[in-house]
Amino acid sequence: MKIRTHSSLLVAQAVVAHLQTLLEYPPHTSKLTDQQWDEVDLSIGSFQNCREQGLTISAYGVPYEAENSWSSTCYFIAEHRSSDVIVVYVYHDVINASDDGIYNDMHTFGYGQYNDAARFIVQDIAQRLEKSIAHEARQETQQQAKDAQDDEIRDLMR
């Protein structure tokens, strides 16, 4: 007896294998420190939307939008339902994977281009983290300026 694995799942597993290799040595092209990379928490899950089966990579600590630090980014990896290309859907929530919004941010890679798909995920994580860190720095600067202004007003009122 032979148990078959759906090719879409095999494609997703290959991308994840390449991703694990890339994450052992984070890209030096990003502005992130090793400590910032270490704070990223990745979790692997399953993905199925009837015609595509694959894996999810939930990136906790990687905001989907810089302004919403509470959100996380999720990558859905599979073989495209009607071809042999690799597809990576980027979405803000693993819980709502059935939401049609998942298909708004789709990235495709040619047959067998597992490393390119994995590299895209690493670069996307880096870009989202960099945007989030920059947003937090701007907010901190604005808060410090507001606090200084409040201190000046208090001093004037004394």
N, C-alpha and C. Protein backbone atom coordinates (compact mmCIF):
# COMPACT_ATOMS: atom_id res chain seq x y z
N MET A 1 0.85 -1.17 0.00
CA MET A 1 0.00 0.00 0.00
C MET A 1 0.90 1.24 0.00
N LYS A 2 0.46 2.26 -0.73
CA LYS A 2 1.23 3.49 -0.82
C LYS A 2 0.33 4.66 -0.42
N ILE A 3 0.85 5.50 0.44
CA ILE A 3 0.11 6.70 0.83
C ILE A 3 0.67 7.87 0.03
N ARG A 4 -0.22 8.55 -0.65
CA ARG A 4 0.21 9.68 -1.48
C ARG A 4 0.06 10.99 -0.72
N THR A 5 0.99 11.88 -0.97
CA THR A 5 0.92 13.22 -0.40
C THR A 5 0.56 14.17 -1.53
N HIS A 6 -0.37 15.05 -1.29
CA HIS A 6 -0.79 16.01 -2.29
C HIS A 6 0.41 16.87 -2.70
N SER A 7 0.60 17.07 -4.00
CA SER A 7 1.77 17.81 -4.48
C SER A 7 1.84 19.22 -3.91
N SER A 8 0.69 19.83 -3.68
CA SER A 8 0.66 21.18 -3.12
C SER A 8 1.31 21.21 -1.74
N LEU A 9 1.06 20.19 -0.96
CA LEU A 9 1.66 20.10 0.37
C LEU A 9 3.16 19.87 0.28
N LEU A 10 3.60 19.06 -0.67
CA LEU A 10 5.03 18.84 -0.87
C LEU A 10 5.74 20.12 -1.26
N VAL A 11 5.11 20.93 -2.10
CA VAL A 11 5.68 22.22 -2.49
C VAL A 11 5.83 23.10 -1.27
N ALA A 12 4.79 23.17 -0.44
CA ALA A 12 4.85 24.00 0.76
C ALA A 12 5.95 23.52 1.70
N GLN A 13 6.09 22.20 1.85
CA GLN A 13 7.14 21.66 2.70
C GLN A 13 8.53 22.03 2.18
N ALA A 14 8.70 22.03 0.87
CA ALA A 14 10.00 22.40 0.29
C ALA A 14 10.31 23.87 0.55
N VAL A 15 9.31 24.73 0.43
CA VAL A 15 9.52 26.16 0.70
C VAL A 15 9.91 26.35 2.17
N VAL A 16 9.22 25.67 3.07
CA VAL A 16 9.52 25.79 4.50
C VAL A 16 10.94 25.29 4.79
N ALA A 17 11.36 24.23 4.14
CA ALA A 17 12.73 23.73 4.33
C ALA A 17 13.75 24.79 3.92
N HIS A 18 13.51 25.44 2.80
CA HIS A 18 14.41 26.52 2.36
C HIS A 18 14.34 27.71 3.31
N LEU A 19 13.15 28.00 3.81
CA LEU A 19 12.97 29.10 4.75
C LEU A 19 13.77 28.85 6.03
N GLN A 20 13.72 27.62 6.54
CA GLN A 20 14.48 27.29 7.74
C GLN A 20 15.97 27.50 7.53
N THR A 21 16.46 27.14 6.38
CA THR A 21 17.88 27.34 6.07
C THR A 21 18.22 28.82 6.02
N LEU A 22 17.38 29.61 5.36
CA LEU A 22 17.63 31.05 5.27
C LEU A 22 17.60 31.72 6.64
N LEU A 23 16.71 31.28 7.51
CA LEU A 23 16.56 31.92 8.82
C LEU A 23 17.68 31.56 9.79
N GLU A 24 18.45 30.53 9.47
CA GLU A 24 19.61 30.23 10.32
C GLU A 24 20.62 31.36 10.25
N TYR A 25 20.68 32.02 9.11
CA TYR A 25 21.58 33.15 8.92
C TYR A 25 20.76 34.28 8.30
N PRO A 26 20.12 35.10 9.14
CA PRO A 26 19.26 36.17 8.61
C PRO A 26 20.01 37.06 7.62
N PRO A 27 19.28 37.64 6.69
CA PRO A 27 19.93 38.43 5.64
C PRO A 27 20.63 39.67 6.21
N HIS A 28 21.83 39.88 5.75
CA HIS A 28 22.59 41.05 6.20
C HIS A 28 22.19 42.30 5.43
N THR A 29 21.30 42.12 4.47
CA THR A 29 20.83 43.27 3.69
C THR A 29 19.78 44.06 4.45
N SER A 30 19.20 43.47 5.49
CA SER A 30 18.18 44.20 6.24
C SER A 30 18.86 45.04 7.33
N LYS A 31 18.11 45.99 7.86
CA LYS A 31 18.61 46.88 8.90
C LYS A 31 18.37 46.31 10.29
N LEU A 32 17.88 45.11 10.36
CA LEU A 32 17.52 44.51 11.65
C LEU A 32 18.73 43.88 12.33
N THR A 33 18.74 43.96 13.64
CA THR A 33 19.81 43.34 14.42
C THR A 33 19.48 41.86 14.62
N ASP A 34 20.46 41.11 15.04
CA ASP A 34 20.22 39.70 15.35
C ASP A 34 19.18 39.57 16.45
N GLN A 35 19.21 40.47 17.43
CA GLN A 35 18.23 40.42 18.52
C GLN A 35 16.81 40.63 17.98
N GLN A 36 16.65 41.58 17.05
CA GLN A 36 15.32 41.81 16.48
C GLN A 36 14.85 40.59 15.69
N TRP A 37 15.75 39.93 14.98
CA TRP A 37 15.39 38.70 14.28
C TRP A 37 15.00 37.62 15.27
N ASP A 38 15.72 37.55 16.39
CA ASP A 38 15.44 36.52 17.39
C ASP A 38 14.08 36.69 18.03
N GLU A 39 13.54 37.91 18.02
CA GLU A 39 12.24 38.17 18.63
C GLU A 39 11.07 37.72 17.75
N VAL A 40 11.36 37.39 16.50
CA VAL A 40 10.32 36.90 15.60
C VAL A 40 9.99 35.46 15.96
N ASP A 41 8.72 35.21 16.16
CA ASP A 41 8.26 33.87 16.54
C ASP A 41 7.45 33.30 15.38
N LEU A 42 7.99 32.28 14.73
CA LEU A 42 7.31 31.66 13.60
C LEU A 42 6.67 30.35 14.04
N SER A 43 5.46 30.14 13.55
CA SER A 43 4.72 28.93 13.88
C SER A 43 4.16 28.35 12.58
N ILE A 44 4.28 27.05 12.42
CA ILE A 44 3.82 26.39 11.20
C ILE A 44 2.48 25.71 11.48
N GLY A 45 1.57 25.86 10.53
CA GLY A 45 0.26 25.22 10.62
C GLY A 45 -0.14 24.70 9.25
N SER A 46 -1.35 24.20 9.16
CA SER A 46 -1.83 23.67 7.88
C SER A 46 -2.77 24.68 7.23
N PHE A 47 -2.94 24.54 5.93
CA PHE A 47 -3.77 25.44 5.15
C PHE A 47 -4.52 24.61 4.12
N GLN A 48 -5.80 24.85 4.01
CA GLN A 48 -6.59 24.18 2.99
C GLN A 48 -7.78 25.06 2.63
N ASN A 49 -7.96 25.28 1.35
CA ASN A 49 -9.14 26.02 0.90
C ASN A 49 -9.89 25.23 -0.16
N CYS A 50 -9.93 23.96 0.01
CA CYS A 50 -10.60 22.98 -0.87
C CYS A 50 -9.74 22.59 -2.05
N ARG A 51 -9.26 23.56 -2.83
CA ARG A 51 -8.47 23.22 -4.01
C ARG A 51 -6.97 23.34 -3.79
N GLU A 52 -6.56 24.03 -2.74
CA GLU A 52 -5.14 24.17 -2.43
C GLU A 52 -4.91 23.67 -1.00
N GLN A 53 -3.88 22.88 -0.85
CA GLN A 53 -3.46 22.44 0.46
C GLN A 53 -2.01 22.85 0.64
N GLY A 54 -1.69 23.32 1.83
CA GLY A 54 -0.32 23.73 2.05
C GLY A 54 -0.07 24.01 3.52
N LEU A 55 0.86 24.90 3.76
CA LEU A 55 1.25 25.24 5.12
C LEU A 55 1.12 26.74 5.35
N THR A 56 0.93 27.08 6.60
CA THR A 56 0.94 28.49 6.99
C THR A 56 2.18 28.74 7.84
N ILE A 57 2.71 29.92 7.69
CA ILE A 57 3.77 30.40 8.58
C ILE A 57 3.18 31.62 9.25
N SER A 58 2.90 31.51 10.53
CA SER A 58 2.40 32.65 11.29
C SER A 58 3.61 33.34 11.92
N ALA A 59 3.77 34.60 11.61
CA ALA A 59 4.91 35.37 12.10
C ALA A 59 4.44 36.30 13.20
N TYR A 60 4.49 35.80 14.43
CA TYR A 60 4.08 36.60 15.57
C TYR A 60 5.19 37.59 15.87
N GLY A 61 4.80 38.80 16.19
CA GLY A 61 5.78 39.86 16.41
C GLY A 61 6.14 40.58 15.13
N VAL A 62 5.49 40.20 14.03
CA VAL A 62 5.69 40.86 12.74
C VAL A 62 4.35 41.47 12.34
N PRO A 63 4.15 42.75 12.66
CA PRO A 63 2.85 43.37 12.36
C PRO A 63 2.55 43.38 10.87
N TYR A 64 1.30 43.04 10.55
CA TYR A 64 0.86 43.09 9.15
C TYR A 64 0.89 44.53 8.65
N GLU A 65 0.48 45.44 9.52
CA GLU A 65 0.54 46.88 9.23
C GLU A 65 1.32 47.54 10.35
N ALA A 66 2.22 48.45 10.01
CA ALA A 66 3.07 49.09 11.01
C ALA A 66 2.26 49.77 12.10
N GLU A 67 1.09 50.30 11.74
CA GLU A 67 0.28 51.05 12.70
C GLU A 67 -0.44 50.14 13.68
N ASN A 68 -0.54 48.87 13.38
CA ASN A 68 -1.27 47.93 14.24
C ASN A 68 -0.30 46.89 14.79
N SER A 69 0.43 47.27 15.82
CA SER A 69 1.46 46.37 16.35
C SER A 69 0.87 45.09 16.93
N TRP A 70 -0.43 45.08 17.21
CA TRP A 70 -1.08 43.88 17.76
C TRP A 70 -1.29 42.81 16.70
N SER A 71 -1.27 43.20 15.43
CA SER A 71 -1.55 42.23 14.37
C SER A 71 -0.31 41.38 14.09
N SER A 72 -0.51 40.24 13.49
CA SER A 72 0.62 39.42 13.05
C SER A 72 0.44 39.14 11.57
N THR A 73 1.51 38.72 10.95
CA THR A 73 1.49 38.43 9.52
C THR A 73 1.49 36.93 9.32
N CYS A 74 0.70 36.48 8.38
CA CYS A 74 0.61 35.06 8.10
C CYS A 74 0.88 34.82 6.61
N TYR A 75 1.68 33.81 6.34
CA TYR A 75 2.02 33.44 4.97
C TYR A 75 1.40 32.08 4.69
N PHE A 76 0.60 32.00 3.64
CA PHE A 76 -0.02 30.74 3.23
C PHE A 76 0.73 30.26 2.00
N ILE A 77 1.32 29.08 2.07
CA ILE A 77 2.20 28.57 1.02
C ILE A 77 1.59 27.31 0.42
N ALA A 78 1.50 27.27 -0.91
CA ALA A 78 0.94 26.09 -1.58
C ALA A 78 1.36 26.10 -3.05
N GLU A 79 1.00 25.04 -3.72
CA GLU A 79 1.09 25.02 -5.18
C GLU A 79 -0.23 25.59 -5.68
N HIS A 80 -0.18 26.49 -6.65
CA HIS A 80 -1.40 27.14 -7.13
C HIS A 80 -2.40 26.10 -7.61
N ARG A 81 -3.66 26.37 -7.35
CA ARG A 81 -4.73 25.39 -7.63
C ARG A 81 -4.88 25.01 -9.09
N SER A 82 -4.45 25.88 -10.02
CA SER A 82 -4.67 25.56 -11.43
C SER A 82 -3.38 25.53 -12.25
N SER A 83 -2.25 25.49 -11.57
CA SER A 83 -0.97 25.40 -12.28
C SER A 83 0.06 24.78 -11.34
N ASP A 84 1.31 24.74 -11.79
CA ASP A 84 2.35 24.17 -10.94
C ASP A 84 3.24 25.25 -10.33
N VAL A 85 2.79 26.50 -10.34
CA VAL A 85 3.59 27.56 -9.73
C VAL A 85 3.38 27.55 -8.22
N ILE A 86 4.37 28.08 -7.52
CA ILE A 86 4.28 28.22 -6.07
C ILE A 86 3.56 29.52 -5.78
N VAL A 87 2.64 29.47 -4.83
CA VAL A 87 1.91 30.68 -4.46
C VAL A 87 2.11 30.93 -2.97
N VAL A 88 2.33 32.20 -2.64
CA VAL A 88 2.41 32.63 -1.24
C VAL A 88 1.39 33.74 -1.07
N TYR A 89 0.40 33.49 -0.23
CA TYR A 89 -0.59 34.51 0.11
C TYR A 89 -0.14 35.14 1.43
N VAL A 90 -0.19 36.46 1.49
CA VAL A 90 0.18 37.16 2.72
C VAL A 90 -1.10 37.77 3.28
N TYR A 91 -1.35 37.49 4.56
CA TYR A 91 -2.58 37.94 5.18
C TYR A 91 -2.31 38.31 6.63
N HIS A 92 -3.27 38.96 7.25
CA HIS A 92 -3.07 39.46 8.60
C HIS A 92 -3.60 38.55 9.69
N ASP A 93 -4.19 37.45 9.32
CA ASP A 93 -4.81 36.65 10.36
C ASP A 93 -4.94 35.20 9.91
N VAL A 94 -4.36 34.30 10.66
CA VAL A 94 -4.47 32.88 10.31
C VAL A 94 -5.87 32.36 10.62
N ILE A 95 -6.54 32.96 11.58
CA ILE A 95 -7.86 32.48 11.99
C ILE A 95 -8.89 32.65 10.88
N ASN A 96 -8.77 33.74 10.12
CA ASN A 96 -9.74 34.02 9.07
C ASN A 96 -9.22 33.64 7.69
N ALA A 97 -8.57 32.51 7.60
CA ALA A 97 -8.00 32.08 6.32
C ALA A 97 -9.05 31.86 5.25
N SER A 98 -10.28 31.67 5.64
CA SER A 98 -11.34 31.47 4.65
C SER A 98 -11.84 32.80 4.08
N ASP A 99 -11.41 33.90 4.65
CA ASP A 99 -11.78 35.24 4.19
C ASP A 99 -11.22 35.46 2.78
N ASP A 100 -12.04 35.98 1.88
CA ASP A 100 -11.58 36.22 0.50
C ASP A 100 -10.45 37.24 0.43
N GLY A 101 -10.27 38.03 1.47
CA GLY A 101 -9.19 39.01 1.50
C GLY A 101 -7.81 38.39 1.39
N ILE A 102 -7.71 37.11 1.70
CA ILE A 102 -6.42 36.43 1.63
C ILE A 102 -5.85 36.47 0.21
N TYR A 103 -6.69 36.54 -0.78
CA TYR A 103 -6.24 36.48 -2.17
C TYR A 103 -5.80 37.84 -2.72
N ASN A 104 -5.93 38.90 -1.93
CA ASN A 104 -5.55 40.24 -2.39
C ASN A 104 -4.05 40.44 -2.43
N ASP A 105 -3.30 39.68 -1.66
CA ASP A 105 -1.84 39.85 -1.61
C ASP A 105 -1.20 38.51 -1.94
N MET A 106 -1.20 38.20 -3.24
CA MET A 106 -0.71 36.91 -3.73
C MET A 106 0.60 37.10 -4.47
N HIS A 107 1.55 36.23 -4.20
CA HIS A 107 2.86 36.28 -4.87
C HIS A 107 3.12 34.90 -5.46
N THR A 108 3.52 34.87 -6.72
CA THR A 108 3.76 33.58 -7.37
C THR A 108 5.22 33.44 -7.76
N PHE A 109 5.65 32.20 -7.77
CA PHE A 109 7.03 31.86 -8.11
C PHE A 109 6.99 30.64 -9.02
N GLY A 110 7.90 30.58 -9.94
CA GLY A 110 7.90 29.50 -10.92
C GLY A 110 8.06 28.13 -10.30
N TYR A 111 7.78 27.13 -11.13
CA TYR A 111 7.89 25.74 -10.71
C TYR A 111 9.29 25.48 -10.14
N GLY A 112 9.35 24.94 -8.93
CA GLY A 112 10.62 24.57 -8.32
C GLY A 112 11.41 25.72 -7.71
N GLN A 113 10.89 26.92 -7.74
CA GLN A 113 11.61 28.07 -7.19
C GLN A 113 11.33 28.23 -5.69
N TYR A 114 11.61 27.17 -4.96
CA TYR A 114 11.35 27.14 -3.51
C TYR A 114 12.16 28.21 -2.78
N ASN A 115 13.43 28.33 -3.17
CA ASN A 115 14.30 29.29 -2.50
C ASN A 115 13.83 30.72 -2.74
N ASP A 116 13.34 31.02 -3.94
CA ASP A 116 12.83 32.36 -4.22
C ASP A 116 11.61 32.67 -3.35
N ALA A 117 10.74 31.69 -3.18
CA ALA A 117 9.55 31.90 -2.33
C ALA A 117 9.97 32.10 -0.88
N ALA A 118 10.92 31.31 -0.42
CA ALA A 118 11.41 31.45 0.96
C ALA A 118 12.10 32.80 1.14
N ARG A 119 12.90 33.19 0.17
CA ARG A 119 13.59 34.49 0.24
C ARG A 119 12.57 35.63 0.28
N PHE A 120 11.49 35.51 -0.49
CA PHE A 120 10.45 36.53 -0.45
C PHE A 120 9.88 36.66 0.97
N ILE A 121 9.61 35.53 1.62
CA ILE A 121 9.03 35.57 2.97
C ILE A 121 9.99 36.26 3.94
N VAL A 122 11.27 35.90 3.87
CA VAL A 122 12.26 36.52 4.76
C VAL A 122 12.34 38.03 4.50
N GLN A 123 12.37 38.43 3.23
CA GLN A 123 12.43 39.86 2.89
C GLN A 123 11.17 40.58 3.33
N ASP A 124 10.03 39.94 3.18
CA ASP A 124 8.77 40.56 3.60
C ASP A 124 8.74 40.75 5.11
N ILE A 125 9.19 39.74 5.85
CA ILE A 125 9.27 39.86 7.31
C ILE A 125 10.17 41.03 7.67
N ALA A 126 11.34 41.12 7.04
CA ALA A 126 12.28 42.21 7.34
C ALA A 126 11.66 43.57 7.05
N GLN A 127 11.00 43.71 5.91
CA GLN A 127 10.38 45.00 5.56
C GLN A 127 9.29 45.38 6.54
N ARG A 128 8.46 44.42 6.91
CA ARG A 128 7.37 44.72 7.86
C ARG A 128 7.93 45.09 9.23
N LEU A 129 8.96 44.39 9.67
CA LEU A 129 9.57 44.72 10.96
C LEU A 129 10.21 46.11 10.92
N GLU A 130 10.93 46.40 9.84
CA GLU A 130 11.58 47.71 9.72
C GLU A 130 10.54 48.83 9.74
N LYS A 131 9.43 48.65 9.03
CA LYS A 131 8.37 49.66 9.04
C LYS A 131 7.78 49.82 10.43
N SER A 132 7.57 48.71 11.12
CA SER A 132 7.00 48.75 12.46
C SER A 132 7.95 49.45 13.44
N ILE A 133 9.22 49.13 13.36
CA ILE A 133 10.21 49.76 14.24
C ILE A 133 10.29 51.25 13.96
N ALA A 134 10.28 51.64 12.69
CA ALA A 134 10.30 53.06 12.34
C ALA A 134 9.05 53.76 12.85
N HIS A 135 7.90 53.11 12.73
CA HIS A 135 6.65 53.69 13.22
C HIS A 135 6.71 53.88 14.73
N GLU A 136 7.19 52.86 15.44
CA GLU A 136 7.31 52.97 16.90
C GLU A 136 8.27 54.09 17.29
N ALA A 137 9.37 54.25 16.56
CA ALA A 137 10.33 55.31 16.85
C ALA A 137 9.69 56.68 16.63
N ARG A 138 8.90 56.82 15.55
CA ARG A 138 8.21 58.10 15.30
C ARG A 138 7.23 58.40 16.42
N GLN A 139 6.49 57.38 16.84
CA GLN A 139 5.53 57.58 17.93
C GLN A 139 6.23 57.98 19.21
N GLU A 140 7.36 57.36 19.50
CA GLU A 140 8.12 57.69 20.72
C GLU A 140 8.64 59.12 20.64
N THR A 141 9.14 59.52 19.48
CA THR A 141 9.63 60.89 19.30
C THR A 141 8.50 61.89 19.48
N GLN A 142 7.35 61.59 18.90
CA GLN A 142 6.19 62.48 19.05
C GLN A 142 5.75 62.57 20.50
N GLN A 143 5.78 61.45 21.21
CA GLN A 143 5.39 61.46 22.62
C GLN A 143 6.38 62.26 23.45
N GLN A 144 7.66 62.12 23.15
CA GLN A 144 8.67 62.89 23.88
C GLN A 144 8.49 64.39 23.63
N ALA A 145 8.21 64.75 22.39
CA ALA A 145 7.98 66.16 22.07
C ALA A 145 6.75 66.68 22.79
N LYS A 146 5.69 65.90 22.83
CA LYS A 146 4.48 66.29 23.55
C LYS A 146 4.74 66.43 25.04
N ASP A 147 5.49 65.48 25.61
CA ASP A 147 5.83 65.55 27.03
C ASP A 147 6.66 66.80 27.34
N ALA A 148 7.61 67.12 26.47
CA ALA A 148 8.44 68.31 26.67
C ALA A 148 7.58 69.57 26.59
N GLN A 149 6.65 69.58 25.66
CA GLN A 149 5.75 70.72 25.51
C GLN A 149 4.85 70.85 26.76
N ASP A 150 4.35 69.75 27.26
CA ASP A 150 3.54 69.76 28.48
C ASP A 150 4.35 70.26 29.67
N ASP A 151 5.62 69.85 29.75
CA ASP A 151 6.49 70.32 30.84
C ASP A 151 6.70 71.83 30.76
N GLU A 152 6.88 72.33 29.53
CA GLU A 152 7.06 73.78 29.35
C GLU A 152 5.81 74.54 29.80
N ILE A 153 4.65 74.04 29.45
CA ILE A 153 3.39 74.69 29.83
C ILE A 153 3.24 74.68 31.34
N ARG A 154 3.58 73.55 31.95
CA ARG A 154 3.49 73.47 33.43
C ARG A 154 4.45 74.47 34.08
N ASP A 155 5.67 74.57 33.52
CA ASP A 155 6.65 75.50 34.07
C ASP A 155 6.17 76.94 33.94
N LEU A 156 5.53 77.26 32.83
CA LEU A 156 5.02 78.61 32.61
C LEU A 156 3.86 78.94 33.55
N MET A 157 3.12 77.93 33.91
CA MET A 157 1.94 78.14 34.76
C MET A 157 2.33 78.26 36.24
N ARG A 158 3.55 77.95 36.60
CA ARG A 158 3.99 78.03 37.99
C ARG A 158 4.33 79.42 38.38
